[in-house]
Amino acid sequence: MTKALLGFSGTDSEFLAEALGCYSALATIELVKSAPPGVPTLEEIKEAIDNFQRAFEESKYHDSRQVALRNKWRAESKKRLGKVALFLEAVSDDDLTHLKEAFRLKKTRSRKGKSKVSEKE
């Protein structure tokens, strides 16, 4: 089965750019728009990203409350995007089209020499 590993490593500004790119791509995928309960909606994903962005901008002034909020919303954004990625993996039947649209992927080799897919770092 194909896997998308969502590390979202990098600075907060890199994370924000990647999260917004993922959101834009997910907004064009019909499967995501009609996902079952338990999969975050596009509105829930956008809410988390917007809250992260707001806290990120306000934390530049070293307000410890805003830094804590920034960290909270970054984690929440990653969690919600990860749930959508898992949903797309489950319904993909090894068709990477939708995953490639929304997430950066690359092929890696497992220990037994079989190829599998993971996120680019």
Protein backbone atom coordinates (compact mmCIF):
# COMPACT_ATOMS: atom_id res chain seq x y z
CA MET A 1 0.00 0.00 0.00
CA THR A 2 1.17 3.51 -0.74
CA LYS A 3 2.02 5.79 2.19
CA ALA A 4 2.41 9.55 2.48
CA LEU A 5 4.59 10.42 5.43
CA LEU A 6 3.84 13.94 6.60
CA GLY A 7 6.82 15.36 8.41
CA PHE A 8 6.27 19.00 7.47
CA SER A 9 9.74 19.79 8.73
CA GLY A 10 11.31 23.19 8.37
CA THR A 11 10.72 26.66 9.69
CA ASP A 12 7.30 28.00 10.56
CA SER A 13 7.22 30.09 7.39
CA GLU A 14 8.11 27.00 5.29
CA PHE A 15 5.42 25.01 7.06
CA LEU A 16 2.86 27.75 6.41
CA ALA A 17 3.69 27.87 2.71
CA GLU A 18 3.47 24.08 2.40
CA ALA A 19 0.24 23.84 4.41
CA LEU A 20 -1.41 26.54 2.27
CA GLY A 21 -0.27 24.71 -0.86
CA CYS A 22 -1.72 21.44 0.43
CA TYR A 23 -4.99 23.17 1.28
CA SER A 24 -5.27 24.72 -2.19
CA ALA A 25 -4.71 21.34 -3.83
CA LEU A 26 -7.11 19.53 -1.49
CA ALA A 27 -9.82 22.08 -2.29
CA THR A 28 -9.83 20.80 -5.89
CA ILE A 29 -10.25 17.11 -5.00
CA GLU A 30 -13.86 15.91 -4.98
CA LEU A 31 -13.07 12.97 -2.67
CA VAL A 32 -11.99 15.41 0.02
CA LYS A 33 -15.11 17.54 -0.40
CA SER A 34 -17.31 14.48 0.17
CA ALA A 35 -15.20 12.74 2.82
CA PRO A 36 -17.00 10.79 5.56
CA PRO A 37 -17.33 11.98 9.17
CA GLY A 38 -14.05 11.79 11.05
CA VAL A 39 -12.05 13.24 8.16
CA PRO A 40 -11.45 16.97 8.67
CA THR A 41 -13.44 19.18 6.34
CA LEU A 42 -11.78 21.80 4.17
CA GLU A 43 -13.19 24.44 6.51
CA GLU A 44 -11.60 22.75 9.55
CA ILE A 45 -8.25 22.52 7.77
CA LYS A 46 -8.40 26.18 6.72
CA GLU A 47 -9.38 27.21 10.26
CA ALA A 48 -6.31 25.48 11.71
CA ILE A 49 -3.99 26.98 9.09
CA ASP A 50 -5.47 30.47 9.52
CA ASN A 51 -5.14 30.24 13.31
CA PHE A 52 -1.53 29.09 12.91
CA GLN A 53 -0.80 31.97 10.54
CA ARG A 54 -2.32 34.53 12.91
CA ALA A 55 -0.39 33.15 15.91
CA PHE A 56 2.80 32.91 13.84
CA GLU A 57 2.59 36.57 12.87
CA GLU A 58 1.77 37.69 16.42
CA SER A 59 4.50 35.52 17.98
CA LYS A 60 7.18 37.48 16.13
CA TYR A 61 7.02 39.92 19.03
CA HIS A 62 8.00 37.12 21.45
CA ASP A 63 4.66 37.06 23.24
CA SER A 64 4.88 33.71 25.03
CA ARG A 65 1.10 33.22 24.80
CA GLN A 66 1.24 33.65 21.03
CA VAL A 67 4.24 31.33 20.75
CA ALA A 68 2.23 28.65 22.59
CA LEU A 69 -0.76 29.25 20.30
CA ARG A 70 1.49 29.08 17.23
CA ASN A 71 2.85 25.71 18.37
CA LYS A 72 -0.65 24.44 19.15
CA TRP A 73 -2.07 25.42 15.74
CA ARG A 74 0.94 24.09 13.84
CA ALA A 75 0.43 20.70 15.49
CA GLU A 76 -3.33 20.86 14.83
CA SER A 77 -2.78 21.77 11.17
CA LYS A 78 -0.37 18.84 10.75
CA LYS A 79 -2.86 16.51 12.43
CA ARG A 80 -5.77 17.56 10.21
CA LEU A 81 -3.72 17.39 7.00
CA GLY A 82 -2.41 13.99 8.09
CA LYS A 83 -5.94 12.64 8.58
CA VAL A 84 -6.90 13.76 5.08
CA ALA A 85 -3.76 12.11 3.67
CA LEU A 86 -4.65 8.85 5.43
CA PHE A 87 -8.17 9.06 3.99
CA LEU A 88 -6.79 9.60 0.47
CA GLU A 89 -4.41 6.66 0.95
CA ALA A 90 -7.27 4.43 2.05
CA VAL A 91 -9.45 5.21 -0.95
CA SER A 92 -6.68 5.47 -3.54
CA ASP A 93 -6.26 1.77 -4.45
CA ASP A 94 -2.58 2.62 -5.09
CA ASP A 95 -3.54 5.45 -7.46
CA LEU A 96 -1.26 8.29 -6.35
CA THR A 97 -3.02 10.99 -8.39
CA HIS A 98 -4.76 12.74 -5.49
CA LEU A 99 -1.84 12.35 -3.10
CA LYS A 100 0.53 13.85 -5.68
CA GLU A 101 -1.82 16.80 -6.18
CA ALA A 102 -1.80 17.75 -2.51
CA PHE A 103 1.40 16.40 -0.98
CA ARG A 104 5.07 16.16 -1.96
CA LEU A 105 5.98 12.51 -2.47
CA LYS A 106 9.07 10.53 -3.35
CA LYS A 107 9.90 6.87 -3.77
CA THR A 108 11.99 5.18 -1.13
CA ARG A 109 13.19 1.65 -0.75
CA SER A 110 12.21 -0.57 2.13
CA ARG A 111 14.76 -2.93 3.65
CA LYS A 112 13.57 -5.76 1.41
CA GLY A 113 14.16 -3.68 -1.73
CA LYS A 114 10.51 -2.92 -2.45
CA SER A 115 9.63 0.65 -3.41
CA LYS A 116 7.26 2.66 -1.32
CA VAL A 117 6.31 6.32 -1.27
CA SER A 118 7.05 8.91 1.40
CA GLU A 119 7.18 12.68 1.74
CA LYS A 120 10.20 14.59 0.48
CA GLU A 121 12.20 16.13 3.30
